[in-house]
Amino acid sequence: GAEAEVGGVRYFAAKSRSYANWLILRGFLVEGQPEAAVKMFKEGLKVYPLSTAASPPGMAFVSGSGKVMNTIHSNDFHFYEEIHAVLSKEHVDFLEPELRGRAASIGIQRGKPFAPSDKL
């Protein structure tokens, strides 16, 4: 990332190569209670395109506490379907040409159905 200034306000700008991003944060309890950390994030954390700095969109905070989130990819054929789904949603430059070529070599291409041949 880099620092940027818009209208006299300094920002820390980070450019993402993908449309979808996770920002996992952990706050600390104060006297056994989470309210201080929640307040710190809700009042101090702002994530939005720098181009909207003059009128930033509202933030949506989702607590992961008590929620089940599977972050482990399949270890069978479904893995390739997951890769195809990601490549179909992201912009073309999300991956370097070499990785896009490797994916294409097994039938995973943006804008095309994933239908690998029996040879694979």
PDB file of N, CA and C in Angstrom:
ATOM      1  N   GLY A   1       0.804  -1.177   0.000  1.00  0.00           N
ATOM      2  CA  GLY A   1       0.000   0.000   0.000  1.00  0.00           C
ATOM      3  C   GLY A   1       0.856   1.253   0.000  1.00  0.00           C
ATOM      4  N   ALA A   2       0.175   2.364  -0.077  1.00  0.00           N
ATOM      5  CA  ALA A   2       0.848   3.659  -0.081  1.00  0.00           C
ATOM      6  C   ALA A   2      -0.064   4.688   0.560  1.00  0.00           C
ATOM      7  N   GLU A   3       0.527   5.759   1.018  1.00  0.00           N
ATOM      8  CA  GLU A   3      -0.280   6.840   1.565  1.00  0.00           C
ATOM      9  C   GLU A   3      -0.709   7.756   0.431  1.00  0.00           C
ATOM     10  N   ALA A   4      -1.924   8.284   0.567  1.00  0.00           N
ATOM     11  CA  ALA A   4      -2.465   9.206  -0.429  1.00  0.00           C
ATOM     12  C   ALA A   4      -3.166  10.335   0.312  1.00  0.00           C
ATOM     13  N   GLU A   5      -3.293  11.472  -0.351  1.00  0.00           N
ATOM     14  CA  GLU A   5      -3.987  12.603   0.256  1.00  0.00           C
ATOM     15  C   GLU A   5      -5.098  13.058  -0.681  1.00  0.00           C
ATOM     16  N   VAL A   6      -6.294  13.193  -0.126  1.00  0.00           N
ATOM     17  CA  VAL A   6      -7.449  13.662  -0.884  1.00  0.00           C
ATOM     18  C   VAL A   6      -8.123  14.740  -0.046  1.00  0.00           C
ATOM     19  N   GLY A   7      -8.189  15.938  -0.577  1.00  0.00           N
ATOM     20  CA  GLY A   7      -8.841  17.036   0.137  1.00  0.00           C
ATOM     21  C   GLY A   7      -8.234  17.326   1.498  1.00  0.00           C
ATOM     22  N   GLY A   8      -6.925  17.174   1.616  1.00  0.00           N
ATOM     23  CA  GLY A   8      -6.245  17.457   2.874  1.00  0.00           C
ATOM     24  C   GLY A   8      -6.307  16.334   3.895  1.00  0.00           C
ATOM     25  N   VAL A   9      -6.929  15.225   3.541  1.00  0.00           N
ATOM     26  CA  VAL A   9      -7.024  14.073   4.448  1.00  0.00           C
ATOM     27  C   VAL A   9      -6.086  12.984   3.945  1.00  0.00           C
ATOM     28  N   ARG A  10      -5.310  12.403   4.855  1.00  0.00           N
ATOM     29  CA  ARG A  10      -4.364  11.341   4.473  1.00  0.00           C
ATOM     30  C   ARG A  10      -5.039   9.979   4.583  1.00  0.00           C
ATOM     31  N   TYR A  11      -4.757   9.153   3.598  1.00  0.00           N
ATOM     32  CA  TYR A  11      -5.310   7.806   3.534  1.00  0.00           C
ATOM     33  C   TYR A  11      -4.184   6.807   3.341  1.00  0.00           C
ATOM     34  N   PHE A  12      -4.423   5.589   3.791  1.00  0.00           N
ATOM     35  CA  PHE A  12      -3.539   4.479   3.460  1.00  0.00           C
ATOM     36  C   PHE A  12      -4.240   3.723   2.349  1.00  0.00           C
ATOM     37  N   ALA A  13      -3.664   3.738   1.172  1.00  0.00           N
ATOM     38  CA  ALA A  13      -4.295   3.127   0.004  1.00  0.00           C
ATOM     39  C   ALA A  13      -3.646   1.786  -0.306  1.00  0.00           C
ATOM     40  N   ALA A  14      -4.463   0.782  -0.501  1.00  0.00           N
ATOM     41  CA  ALA A  14      -3.990  -0.545  -0.885  1.00  0.00           C
ATOM     42  C   ALA A  14      -4.786  -0.974  -2.107  1.00  0.00           C
ATOM     43  N   LYS A  15      -4.112  -1.430  -3.131  1.00  0.00           N
ATOM     44  CA  LYS A  15      -4.779  -1.842  -4.364  1.00  0.00           C
ATOM     45  C   LYS A  15      -4.915  -3.358  -4.379  1.00  0.00           C
ATOM     46  N   SER A  16      -6.128  -3.821  -4.628  1.00  0.00           N
ATOM     47  CA  SER A  16      -6.399  -5.252  -4.671  1.00  0.00           C
ATOM     48  C   SER A  16      -6.490  -5.724  -6.114  1.00  0.00           C
ATOM     49  N   ARG A  17      -6.018  -6.929  -6.349  1.00  0.00           N
ATOM     50  CA  ARG A  17      -6.126  -7.506  -7.691  1.00  0.00           C
ATOM     51  C   ARG A  17      -7.449  -8.217  -7.892  1.00  0.00           C
ATOM     52  N   SER A  18      -8.223  -8.381  -6.832  1.00  0.00           N
ATOM     53  CA  SER A  18      -9.476  -9.125  -6.964  1.00  0.00           C
ATOM     54  C   SER A  18     -10.665  -8.284  -6.509  1.00  0.00           C
ATOM     55  N   TYR A  19     -11.855  -8.729  -6.901  1.00  0.00           N
ATOM     56  CA  TYR A  19     -13.078  -8.061  -6.489  1.00  0.00           C
ATOM     57  C   TYR A  19     -13.465  -8.446  -5.066  1.00  0.00           C
ATOM     58  N   ALA A  20     -13.183  -9.661  -4.679  1.00  0.00           N
ATOM     59  CA  ALA A  20     -13.562 -10.164  -3.357  1.00  0.00           C
ATOM     60  C   ALA A  20     -12.342 -10.182  -2.446  1.00  0.00           C
ATOM     61  N   ASN A  21     -12.522  -9.671  -1.263  1.00  0.00           N
ATOM     62  CA  ASN A  21     -11.429  -9.626  -0.295  1.00  0.00           C
ATOM     63  C   ASN A  21     -11.966  -9.928   1.097  1.00  0.00           C
ATOM     64  N   TRP A  22     -11.145 -10.543   1.877  1.00  0.00           N
ATOM     65  CA  TRP A  22     -11.466 -10.772   3.284  1.00  0.00           C
ATOM     66  C   TRP A  22     -10.551  -9.894   4.098  1.00  0.00           C
ATOM     67  N   LEU A  23     -11.092  -9.310   5.116  1.00  0.00           N
ATOM     68  CA  LEU A  23     -10.289  -8.582   6.086  1.00  0.00           C
ATOM     69  C   LEU A  23     -10.678  -9.149   7.442  1.00  0.00           C
ATOM     70  N   ILE A  24      -9.835  -9.975   7.963  1.00  0.00           N
ATOM     71  CA  ILE A  24     -10.122 -10.631   9.232  1.00  0.00           C
ATOM     72  C   ILE A  24      -9.369  -9.880  10.321  1.00  0.00           C
ATOM     73  N   LEU A  25     -10.112  -9.386  11.278  1.00  0.00           N
ATOM     74  CA  LEU A  25      -9.528  -8.601  12.355  1.00  0.00           C
ATOM     75  C   LEU A  25      -9.865  -9.239  13.697  1.00  0.00           C
ATOM     76  N   ARG A  26      -9.025  -8.989  14.644  1.00  0.00           N
ATOM     77  CA  ARG A  26      -9.298  -9.473  15.987  1.00  0.00           C
ATOM     78  C   ARG A  26      -9.056  -8.334  16.963  1.00  0.00           C
ATOM     79  N   GLY A  27     -10.068  -8.050  17.734  1.00  0.00           N
ATOM     80  CA  GLY A  27      -9.938  -7.050  18.781  1.00  0.00           C
ATOM     81  C   GLY A  27      -9.699  -7.745  20.108  1.00  0.00           C
ATOM     82  N   PHE A  28      -9.326  -6.983  21.091  1.00  0.00           N
ATOM     83  CA  PHE A  28      -9.041  -7.560  22.397  1.00  0.00           C
ATOM     84  C   PHE A  28     -10.062  -7.090  23.421  1.00  0.00           C
ATOM     85  N   LEU A  29     -10.334  -7.949  24.362  1.00  0.00           N
ATOM     86  CA  LEU A  29     -11.294  -7.643  25.410  1.00  0.00           C
ATOM     87  C   LEU A  29     -10.701  -6.627  26.383  1.00  0.00           C
ATOM     88  N   VAL A  30     -11.563  -5.762  26.875  1.00  0.00           N
ATOM     89  CA  VAL A  30     -11.196  -4.835  27.939  1.00  0.00           C
ATOM     90  C   VAL A  30     -12.073  -5.200  29.127  1.00  0.00           C
ATOM     91  N   GLU A  31     -11.437  -5.636  30.192  1.00  0.00           N
ATOM     92  CA  GLU A  31     -12.150  -6.111  31.381  1.00  0.00           C
ATOM     93  C   GLU A  31     -13.151  -7.200  31.009  1.00  0.00           C
ATOM     94  N   GLY A  32     -12.726  -8.064  30.093  1.00  0.00           N
ATOM     95  CA  GLY A  32     -13.551  -9.206  29.706  1.00  0.00           C
ATOM     96  C   GLY A  32     -14.679  -8.900  28.741  1.00  0.00           C
ATOM     97  N   GLN A  33     -14.757  -7.682  28.239  1.00  0.00           N
ATOM     98  CA  GLN A  33     -15.865  -7.280  27.367  1.00  0.00           C
ATOM     99  C   GLN A  33     -15.345  -6.836  25.996  1.00  0.00           C
ATOM    100  N   PRO A  34     -16.099  -7.131  24.926  1.00  0.00           N
ATOM    101  CA  PRO A  34     -15.637  -6.804  23.565  1.00  0.00           C
ATOM    102  C   PRO A  34     -16.014  -5.407  23.075  1.00  0.00           C
ATOM    103  N   GLU A  35     -16.789  -4.653  23.832  1.00  0.00           N
ATOM    104  CA  GLU A  35     -17.336  -3.387  23.325  1.00  0.00           C
ATOM    105  C   GLU A  35     -16.267  -2.397  22.861  1.00  0.00           C
ATOM    106  N   ALA A  36     -15.144  -2.305  23.569  1.00  0.00           N
ATOM    107  CA  ALA A  36     -14.098  -1.347  23.181  1.00  0.00           C
ATOM    108  C   ALA A  36     -13.527  -1.686  21.806  1.00  0.00           C
ATOM    109  N   ALA A  37     -13.295  -2.969  21.557  1.00  0.00           N
ATOM    110  CA  ALA A  37     -12.761  -3.380  20.253  1.00  0.00           C
ATOM    111  C   ALA A  37     -13.789  -3.146  19.153  1.00  0.00           C
ATOM    112  N   VAL A  38     -15.040  -3.472  19.429  1.00  0.00           N
ATOM    113  CA  VAL A  38     -16.102  -3.258  18.442  1.00  0.00           C
ATOM    114  C   VAL A  38     -16.188  -1.774  18.094  1.00  0.00           C
ATOM    115  N   LYS A  39     -16.160  -0.927  19.105  1.00  0.00           N
ATOM    116  CA  LYS A  39     -16.229   0.525  18.877  1.00  0.00           C
ATOM    117  C   LYS A  39     -15.031   1.006  18.061  1.00  0.00           C
ATOM    118  N   MET A  40     -13.848   0.500  18.401  1.00  0.00           N
ATOM    119  CA  MET A  40     -12.639   0.912  17.684  1.00  0.00           C
ATOM    120  C   MET A  40     -12.753   0.595  16.189  1.00  0.00           C
ATOM    121  N   PHE A  41     -13.223  -0.611  15.864  1.00  0.00           N
ATOM    122  CA  PHE A  41     -13.342  -0.990  14.459  1.00  0.00           C
ATOM    123  C   PHE A  41     -14.458  -0.212  13.771  1.00  0.00           C
ATOM    124  N   LYS A  42     -15.622  -0.120  14.394  1.00  0.00           N
ATOM    125  CA  LYS A  42     -16.758   0.533  13.750  1.00  0.00           C
ATOM    126  C   LYS A  42     -16.551   2.033  13.555  1.00  0.00           C
ATOM    127  N   GLU A  43     -15.815   2.657  14.448  1.00  0.00           N
ATOM    128  CA  GLU A  43     -15.597   4.101  14.323  1.00  0.00           C
ATOM    129  C   GLU A  43     -14.302   4.452  13.594  1.00  0.00           C
ATOM    130  N   GLY A  44     -13.321   3.557  13.629  1.00  0.00           N
ATOM    131  CA  GLY A  44     -12.015   3.896  13.077  1.00  0.00           C
ATOM    132  C   GLY A  44     -11.644   3.231  11.771  1.00  0.00           C
ATOM    133  N   LEU A  45     -12.304   2.140  11.427  1.00  0.00           N
ATOM    134  CA  LEU A  45     -11.952   1.402  10.215  1.00  0.00           C
ATOM    135  C   LEU A  45     -12.866   1.807   9.069  1.00  0.00           C
ATOM    136  N   LYS A  46     -12.283   2.267   8.009  1.00  0.00           N
ATOM    137  CA  LYS A  46     -13.036   2.654   6.811  1.00  0.00           C
ATOM    138  C   LYS A  46     -12.347   2.027   5.605  1.00  0.00           C
ATOM    139  N   VAL A  47     -13.088   1.245   4.846  1.00  0.00           N
ATOM    140  CA  VAL A  47     -12.538   0.586   3.661  1.00  0.00           C
ATOM    141  C   VAL A  47     -13.461   0.906   2.489  1.00  0.00           C
ATOM    142  N   TYR A  48     -12.911   1.585   1.488  1.00  0.00           N
ATOM    143  CA  TYR A  48     -13.691   1.936   0.305  1.00  0.00           C
ATOM    144  C   TYR A  48     -12.731   2.410  -0.776  1.00  0.00           C
ATOM    145  N   PRO A  49     -13.200   2.478  -2.019  1.00  0.00           N
ATOM    146  CA  PRO A  49     -12.334   2.985  -3.088  1.00  0.00           C
ATOM    147  C   PRO A  49     -11.921   4.429  -2.795  1.00  0.00           C
ATOM    148  N   LEU A  50     -10.666   4.730  -3.010  1.00  0.00           N
ATOM    149  CA  LEU A  50     -10.160   6.082  -2.766  1.00  0.00           C
ATOM    150  C   LEU A  50     -10.916   7.109  -3.606  1.00  0.00           C
ATOM    151  N   SER A  51     -11.406   6.684  -4.755  1.00  0.00           N
ATOM    152  CA  SER A  51     -12.147   7.604  -5.628  1.00  0.00           C
ATOM    153  C   SER A  51     -13.451   8.079  -4.997  1.00  0.00           C
ATOM    154  N   THR A  52     -13.934   7.388  -3.956  1.00  0.00           N
ATOM    155  CA  THR A  52     -15.177   7.788  -3.287  1.00  0.00           C
ATOM    156  C   THR A  52     -14.905   8.495  -1.960  1.00  0.00           C
ATOM    157  N   ALA A  53     -13.660   8.922  -1.740  1.00  0.00           N
ATOM    158  CA  ALA A  53     -13.275   9.515  -0.454  1.00  0.00           C
ATOM    159  C   ALA A  53     -14.102  10.747  -0.093  1.00  0.00           C
ATOM    160  N   ALA A  54     -14.522  11.524  -1.072  1.00  0.00           N
ATOM    161  CA  ALA A  54     -15.304  12.729  -0.792  1.00  0.00           C
ATOM    162  C   ALA A  54     -16.684  12.392  -0.234  1.00  0.00           C
ATOM    163  N   SER A  55     -17.218  11.249  -0.604  1.00  0.00           N
ATOM    164  CA  SER A  55     -18.529  10.798  -0.126  1.00  0.00           C
ATOM    165  C   SER A  55     -18.491   9.279   0.013  1.00  0.00           C
ATOM    166  N   PRO A  56     -17.790   8.784   1.038  1.00  0.00           N
ATOM    167  CA  PRO A  56     -17.588   7.338   1.154  1.00  0.00           C
ATOM    168  C   PRO A  56     -18.880   6.579   1.449  1.00  0.00           C
ATOM    169  N   PRO A  57     -18.982   5.375   0.917  1.00  0.00           N
ATOM    170  CA  PRO A  57     -20.149   4.543   1.202  1.00  0.00           C
ATOM    171  C   PRO A  57     -20.116   4.066   2.653  1.00  0.00           C
ATOM    172  N   GLY A  58     -21.258   3.638   3.150  1.00  0.00           N
ATOM    173  CA  GLY A  58     -21.327   3.114   4.512  1.00  0.00           C
ATOM    174  C   GLY A  58     -20.607   1.779   4.629  1.00  0.00           C
ATOM    175  N   MET A  59     -20.202   1.472   5.832  1.00  0.00           N
ATOM    176  CA  MET A  59     -19.510   0.209   6.095  1.00  0.00           C
ATOM    177  C   MET A  59     -20.519  -0.819   6.596  1.00  0.00           C
ATOM    178  N   ALA A  60     -20.274  -2.073   6.256  1.00  0.00           N
ATOM    179  CA  ALA A  60     -21.066  -3.186   6.779  1.00  0.00           C
ATOM    180  C   ALA A  60     -20.116  -4.084   7.561  1.00  0.00           C
ATOM    181  N   PHE A  61     -20.407  -4.295   8.819  1.00  0.00           N
ATOM    182  CA  PHE A  61     -19.572  -5.138   9.664  1.00  0.00           C
ATOM    183  C   PHE A  61     -20.307  -6.437   9.937  1.00  0.00           C
ATOM    184  N   VAL A  62     -19.623  -7.540   9.739  1.00  0.00           N
ATOM    185  CA  VAL A  62     -20.203  -8.857   9.974  1.00  0.00           C
ATOM    186  C   VAL A  62     -19.374  -9.548  11.039  1.00  0.00           C
ATOM    187  N   SER A  63     -20.010  -9.917  12.109  1.00  0.00           N
ATOM    188  CA  SER A  63     -19.308 -10.635  13.170  1.00  0.00           C
ATOM    189  C   SER A  63     -19.249 -12.108  12.806  1.00  0.00           C
ATOM    190  N   GLY A  64     -18.066 -12.657  12.880  1.00  0.00           N
ATOM    191  CA  GLY A  64     -17.897 -14.084  12.616  1.00  0.00           C
ATOM    192  C   GLY A  64     -18.069 -14.934  13.856  1.00  0.00           C
ATOM    193  N   SER A  65     -18.309 -14.291  14.985  1.00  0.00           N
ATOM    194  CA  SER A  65     -18.453 -15.030  16.239  1.00  0.00           C
ATOM    195  C   SER A  65     -19.617 -16.009  16.160  1.00  0.00           C
ATOM    196  N   GLY A  66     -19.333 -17.247  16.469  1.00  0.00           N
ATOM    197  CA  GLY A  66     -20.369 -18.270  16.502  1.00  0.00           C
ATOM    198  C   GLY A  66     -20.848 -18.727  15.139  1.00  0.00           C
ATOM    199  N   LYS A  67     -20.222 -18.263  14.061  1.00  0.00           N
ATOM    200  CA  LYS A  67     -20.639 -18.664  12.717  1.00  0.00           C
ATOM    201  C   LYS A  67     -19.705 -19.732  12.180  1.00  0.00           C
ATOM    202  N   VAL A  68     -20.271 -20.651  11.438  1.00  0.00           N
ATOM    203  CA  VAL A  68     -19.481 -21.693  10.793  1.00  0.00           C
ATOM    204  C   VAL A  68     -19.108 -21.192   9.406  1.00  0.00           C
ATOM    205  N   MET A  69     -17.823 -21.163   9.117  1.00  0.00           N
ATOM    206  CA  MET A  69     -17.339 -20.737   7.805  1.00  0.00           C
ATOM    207  C   MET A  69     -16.319 -21.755   7.326  1.00  0.00           C
ATOM    208  N   ASN A  70     -16.640 -22.423   6.256  1.00  0.00           N
ATOM    209  CA  ASN A  70     -15.721 -23.414   5.704  1.00  0.00           C
ATOM    210  C   ASN A  70     -14.728 -22.698   4.794  1.00  0.00           C
ATOM    211  N   THR A  71     -13.487 -22.647   5.206  1.00  0.00           N
ATOM    212  CA  THR A  71     -12.448 -21.982   4.413  1.00  0.00           C
ATOM    213  C   THR A  71     -11.485 -22.982   3.788  1.00  0.00           C
ATOM    214  N   ILE A  72     -11.866 -24.250   3.820  1.00  0.00           N
ATOM    215  CA  ILE A  72     -11.010 -25.297   3.260  1.00  0.00           C
ATOM    216  C   ILE A  72     -11.589 -25.732   1.923  1.00  0.00           C
ATOM    217  N   HIS A  73     -10.775 -25.706   0.896  1.00  0.00           N
ATOM    218  CA  HIS A  73     -11.245 -26.106  -0.426  1.00  0.00           C
ATOM    219  C   HIS A  73     -11.414 -27.617  -0.511  1.00  0.00           C
ATOM    220  N   SER A  74     -12.241 -28.010  -1.446  1.00  0.00           N
ATOM    221  CA  SER A  74     -12.445 -29.436  -1.706  1.00  0.00           C
ATOM    222  C   SER A  74     -11.126 -30.078  -2.095  1.00  0.00           C
ATOM    223  N   ASN A  75     -11.021 -31.363  -1.846  1.00  0.00           N
ATOM    224  CA  ASN A  75      -9.809 -32.087  -2.263  1.00  0.00           C
ATOM    225  C   ASN A  75     -10.168 -33.182  -3.263  1.00  0.00           C
ATOM    226  N   ASP A  76     -11.207 -32.906  -4.041  1.00  0.00           N
ATOM    227  CA  ASP A  76     -11.613 -33.818  -5.100  1.00  0.00           C
ATOM    228  C   ASP A  76     -11.938 -32.980  -6.347  1.00  0.00           C
ATOM    229  N   PHE A  77     -12.703 -33.522  -7.267  1.00  0.00           N
ATOM    230  CA  PHE A  77     -13.028 -32.825  -8.512  1.00  0.00           C
ATOM    231  C   PHE A  77     -13.671 -31.457  -8.269  1.00  0.00           C
ATOM    232  N   HIS A  78     -14.415 -31.316  -7.181  1.00  0.00           N
ATOM    233  CA  HIS A  78     -15.086 -30.047  -6.895  1.00  0.00           C
ATOM    234  C   HIS A  78     -14.103 -28.879  -6.747  1.00  0.00           C
ATOM    235  N   PHE A  79     -12.859 -29.177  -6.418  1.00  0.00           N
ATOM    236  CA  PHE A  79     -11.831 -28.127  -6.326  1.00  0.00           C
ATOM    237  C   PHE A  79     -11.745 -27.353  -7.642  1.00  0.00           C
ATOM    238  N   TYR A  80     -11.754 -28.078  -8.747  1.00  0.00           N
ATOM    239  CA  TYR A  80     -11.634 -27.440 -10.059  1.00  0.00           C
ATOM    240  C   TYR A  80     -12.880 -26.621 -10.383  1.00  0.00           C
ATOM    241  N   GLU A  81     -14.038 -27.079  -9.929  1.00  0.00           N
ATOM    242  CA  GLU A  81     -15.261 -26.298 -10.105  1.00  0.00           C
ATOM    243  C   GLU A  81     -15.195 -25.005  -9.284  1.00  0.00           C
ATOM    244  N   GLU A  82     -14.591 -25.083  -8.105  1.00  0.00           N
ATOM    245  CA  GLU A  82     -14.421 -23.883  -7.283  1.00  0.00           C
ATOM    246  C   GLU A  82     -13.504 -22.880  -7.988  1.00  0.00           C
ATOM    247  N   ILE A  83     -12.414 -23.372  -8.561  1.00  0.00           N
ATOM    248  CA  ILE A  83     -11.488 -22.495  -9.283  1.00  0.00           C
ATOM    249  C   ILE A  83     -12.207 -21.842 -10.462  1.00  0.00           C
ATOM    250  N   HIS A  84     -12.995 -22.623 -11.196  1.00  0.00           N
ATOM    251  CA  HIS A  84     -13.751 -22.081 -12.326  1.00  0.00           C
ATOM    252  C   HIS A  84     -14.717 -20.995 -11.855  1.00  0.00           C
ATOM    253  N   ALA A  85     -15.384 -21.216 -10.737  1.00  0.00           N
ATOM    254  CA  ALA A  85     -16.330 -20.223 -10.216  1.00  0.00           C
ATOM    255  C   ALA A  85     -15.619 -18.914  -9.878  1.00  0.00           C
ATOM    256  N   VAL A  86     -14.454 -19.002  -9.277  1.00  0.00           N
ATOM    257  CA  VAL A  86     -13.699 -17.789  -8.933  1.00  0.00           C
ATOM    258  C   VAL A  86     -13.256 -17.062 -10.195  1.00  0.00           C
ATOM    259  N   LEU A  87     -12.686 -17.795 -11.148  1.00  0.00           N
ATOM    260  CA  LEU A  87     -12.212 -17.164 -12.383  1.00  0.00           C
ATOM    261  C   LEU A  87     -13.360 -16.547 -13.175  1.00  0.00           C
ATOM    262  N   SER A  88     -14.558 -17.104 -13.051  1.00  0.00           N
ATOM    263  CA  SER A  88     -15.714 -16.568 -13.766  1.00  0.00           C
ATOM    264  C   SER A  88     -16.200 -15.255 -13.170  1.00  0.00           C
ATOM    265  N   LYS A  89     -15.944 -15.040 -11.883  1.00  0.00           N
ATOM    266  CA  LYS A  89     -16.425 -13.832 -11.211  1.00  0.00           C
ATOM    267  C   LYS A  89     -15.404 -12.696 -11.207  1.00  0.00           C
ATOM    268  N   GLU A  90     -14.142 -13.024 -11.276  1.00  0.00           N
ATOM    269  CA  GLU A  90     -13.089 -12.010 -11.189  1.00  0.00           C
ATOM    270  C   GLU A  90     -12.777 -11.416 -12.563  1.00  0.00           C
ATOM    271  N   HIS A  91     -12.116 -10.264 -12.564  1.00  0.00           N
ATOM    272  CA  HIS A  91     -11.699  -9.669 -13.837  1.00  0.00           C
ATOM    273  C   HIS A  91     -10.539 -10.482 -14.411  1.00  0.00           C
ATOM    274  N   VAL A  92     -10.306 -10.342 -15.681  1.00  0.00           N
ATOM    275  CA  VAL A  92      -9.368 -11.210 -16.391  1.00  0.00           C
ATOM    276  C   VAL A  92      -7.939 -11.097 -15.857  1.00  0.00           C
ATOM    277  N   ASP A  93      -7.540  -9.941 -15.380  1.00  0.00           N
ATOM    278  CA  ASP A  93      -6.168  -9.762 -14.893  1.00  0.00           C
ATOM    279  C   ASP A  93      -5.974 -10.167 -13.435  1.00  0.00           C
ATOM    280  N   PHE A  94      -6.975 -10.802 -12.852  1.00  0.00           N
ATOM    281  CA  PHE A  94      -6.865 -11.277 -11.473  1.00  0.00           C
ATOM    282  C   PHE A  94      -5.669 -12.218 -11.322  1.00  0.00           C
ATOM    283  N   LEU A  95      -5.459 -13.063 -12.307  1.00  0.00           N
ATOM    284  CA  LEU A  95      -4.315 -13.976 -12.307  1.00  0.00           C
ATOM    285  C   LEU A  95      -3.349 -13.602 -13.422  1.00  0.00           C
ATOM    286  N   GLU A  96      -2.096 -13.904 -13.199  1.00  0.00           N
ATOM    287  CA  GLU A  96      -1.073 -13.693 -14.221  1.00  0.00           C
ATOM    288  C   GLU A  96      -1.379 -14.586 -15.433  1.00  0.00           C
ATOM    289  N   PRO A  97      -0.943 -14.189 -16.634  1.00  0.00           N
ATOM    290  CA  PRO A  97      -1.206 -14.985 -17.836  1.00  0.00           C
ATOM    291  C   PRO A  97      -0.750 -16.441 -17.713  1.00  0.00           C
ATOM    292  N   GLU A  98       0.368 -16.680 -17.044  1.00  0.00           N
ATOM    293  CA  GLU A  98       0.857 -18.058 -16.910  1.00  0.00           C
ATOM    294  C   GLU A  98      -0.149 -18.935 -16.158  1.00  0.00           C
ATOM    295  N   LEU A  99      -0.707 -18.433 -15.065  1.00  0.00           N
ATOM    296  CA  LEU A  99      -1.682 -19.222 -14.311  1.00  0.00           C
ATOM    297  C   LEU A  99      -2.987 -19.379 -15.077  1.00  0.00           C
ATOM    298  N   ARG A 100      -3.400 -18.326 -15.790  1.00  0.00           N
ATOM    299  CA  ARG A 100      -4.604 -18.450 -16.625  1.00  0.00           C
ATOM    300  C   ARG A 100      -4.396 -19.509 -17.693  1.00  0.00           C
ATOM    301  N   GLY A 101      -3.181 -19.561 -18.257  1.00  0.00           N
ATOM    302  CA  GLY A 101      -2.866 -20.575 -19.267  1.00  0.00           C
ATOM    303  C   GLY A 101      -2.900 -21.979 -18.694  1.00  0.00           C
ATOM    304  N   ARG A 102      -2.383 -22.138 -17.493  1.00  0.00           N
ATOM    305  CA  ARG A 102      -2.422 -23.465 -16.857  1.00  0.00           C
ATOM    306  C   ARG A 102      -3.859 -23.900 -16.608  1.00  0.00           C
ATOM    307  N   ALA A 103      -4.679 -22.960 -16.145  1.00  0.00           N
ATOM    308  CA  ALA A 103      -6.088 -23.285 -15.923  1.00  0.00           C
ATOM    309  C   ALA A 103      -6.764 -23.641 -17.246  1.00  0.00           C
ATOM    310  N   ALA A 104      -6.477 -22.879 -18.291  1.00  0.00           N
ATOM    311  CA  ALA A 104      -7.073 -23.147 -19.606  1.00  0.00           C
ATOM    312  C   ALA A 104      -6.667 -24.518 -20.129  1.00  0.00           C
ATOM    313  N   SER A 105      -5.459 -24.955 -19.792  1.00  0.00           N
ATOM    314  CA  SER A 105      -4.985 -26.255 -20.291  1.00  0.00           C
ATOM    315  C   SER A 105      -5.797 -27.424 -19.750  1.00  0.00           C
ATOM    316  N   ILE A 106      -6.522 -27.195 -18.654  1.00  0.00           N
ATOM    317  CA  ILE A 106      -7.391 -28.263 -18.128  1.00  0.00           C
ATOM    318  C   ILE A 106      -8.865 -27.882 -18.254  1.00  0.00           C
ATOM    319  N   GLY A 107      -9.157 -26.887 -19.092  1.00  0.00           N
ATOM    320  CA  GLY A 107     -10.543 -26.552 -19.409  1.00  0.00           C
ATOM    321  C   GLY A 107     -11.183 -25.493 -18.536  1.00  0.00           C
ATOM    322  N   ILE A 108     -10.399 -24.778 -17.750  1.00  0.00           N
ATOM    323  CA  ILE A 108     -10.951 -23.726 -16.896  1.00  0.00           C
ATOM    324  C   ILE A 108     -10.635 -22.385 -17.540  1.00  0.00           C
ATOM    325  N   GLN A 109     -11.683 -21.751 -18.119  1.00  0.00           N
ATOM    326  CA  GLN A 109     -11.516 -20.468 -18.795  1.00  0.00           C
ATOM    327  C   GLN A 109     -12.677 -19.552 -18.452  1.00  0.00           C
ATOM    328  N   ARG A 110     -12.347 -18.302 -18.291  1.00  0.00           N
ATOM    329  CA  ARG A 110     -13.369 -17.292 -18.001  1.00  0.00           C
ATOM    330  C   ARG A 110     -14.341 -17.203 -19.178  1.00  0.00           C
ATOM    331  N   GLY A 111     -15.633 -17.190 -18.856  1.00  0.00           N
ATOM    332  CA  GLY A 111     -16.655 -17.035 -19.882  1.00  0.00           C
ATOM    333  C   GLY A 111     -17.012 -18.304 -20.628  1.00  0.00           C
ATOM    334  N   LYS A 112     -16.381 -19.418 -20.271  1.00  0.00           N
ATOM    335  CA  LYS A 112     -16.686 -20.691 -20.922  1.00  0.00           C
ATOM    336  C   LYS A 112     -17.066 -21.709 -19.856  1.00  0.00           C
ATOM    337  N   PRO A 113     -18.003 -22.604 -20.187  1.00  0.00           N
ATOM    338  CA  PRO A 113     -18.364 -23.632 -19.204  1.00  0.00           C
ATOM    339  C   PRO A 113     -17.188 -24.559 -18.926  1.00  0.00           C
ATOM    340  N   PHE A 114     -17.121 -25.043 -17.713  1.00  0.00           N
ATOM    341  CA  PHE A 114     -16.068 -25.989 -17.350  1.00  0.00           C
ATOM    342  C   PHE A 114     -16.578 -27.384 -17.673  1.00  0.00           C
ATOM    343  N   ALA A 115     -16.053 -27.948 -18.737  1.00  0.00           N
ATOM    344  CA  ALA A 115     -16.455 -29.282 -19.186  1.00  0.00           C
ATOM    345  C   ALA A 115     -15.204 -30.031 -19.627  1.00  0.00           C
ATOM    346  N   PRO A 116     -14.396 -30.490 -18.671  1.00  0.00           N
ATOM    347  CA  PRO A 116     -13.146 -31.166 -19.032  1.00  0.00           C
ATOM    348  C   PRO A 116     -13.406 -32.480 -19.758  1.00  0.00           C
ATOM    349  N   SER A 117     -12.477 -32.849 -20.614  1.00  0.00           N
ATOM    350  CA  SER A 117     -12.613 -34.111 -21.339  1.00  0.00           C
ATOM    351  C   SER A 117     -12.262 -35.267 -20.418  1.00  0.00           C
ATOM    352  N   ASP A 118     -12.630 -36.458 -20.828  1.00  0.00           N
ATOM    353  CA  ASP A 118     -12.317 -37.658 -20.048  1.00  0.00           C
ATOM    354  C   ASP A 118     -10.818 -37.917 -19.995  1.00  0.00           C
ATOM    355  N   LYS A 119     -10.052 -37.330 -20.909  1.00  0.00           N
ATOM    356  CA  LYS A 119      -8.601 -37.520 -20.933  1.00  0.00           C
ATOM    357  C   LYS A 119      -7.936 -36.934 -19.693  1.00  0.00           C
ATOM    358  N   LEU A 120      -8.568 -35.929 -19.098  1.00  0.00           N
ATOM    359  CA  LEU A 120      -7.995 -35.302 -17.911  1.00  0.00           C
ATOM    360  C   LEU A 120      -8.316 -36.148 -16.718  1.00  0.00           C
TER     361      LEU A 120
END
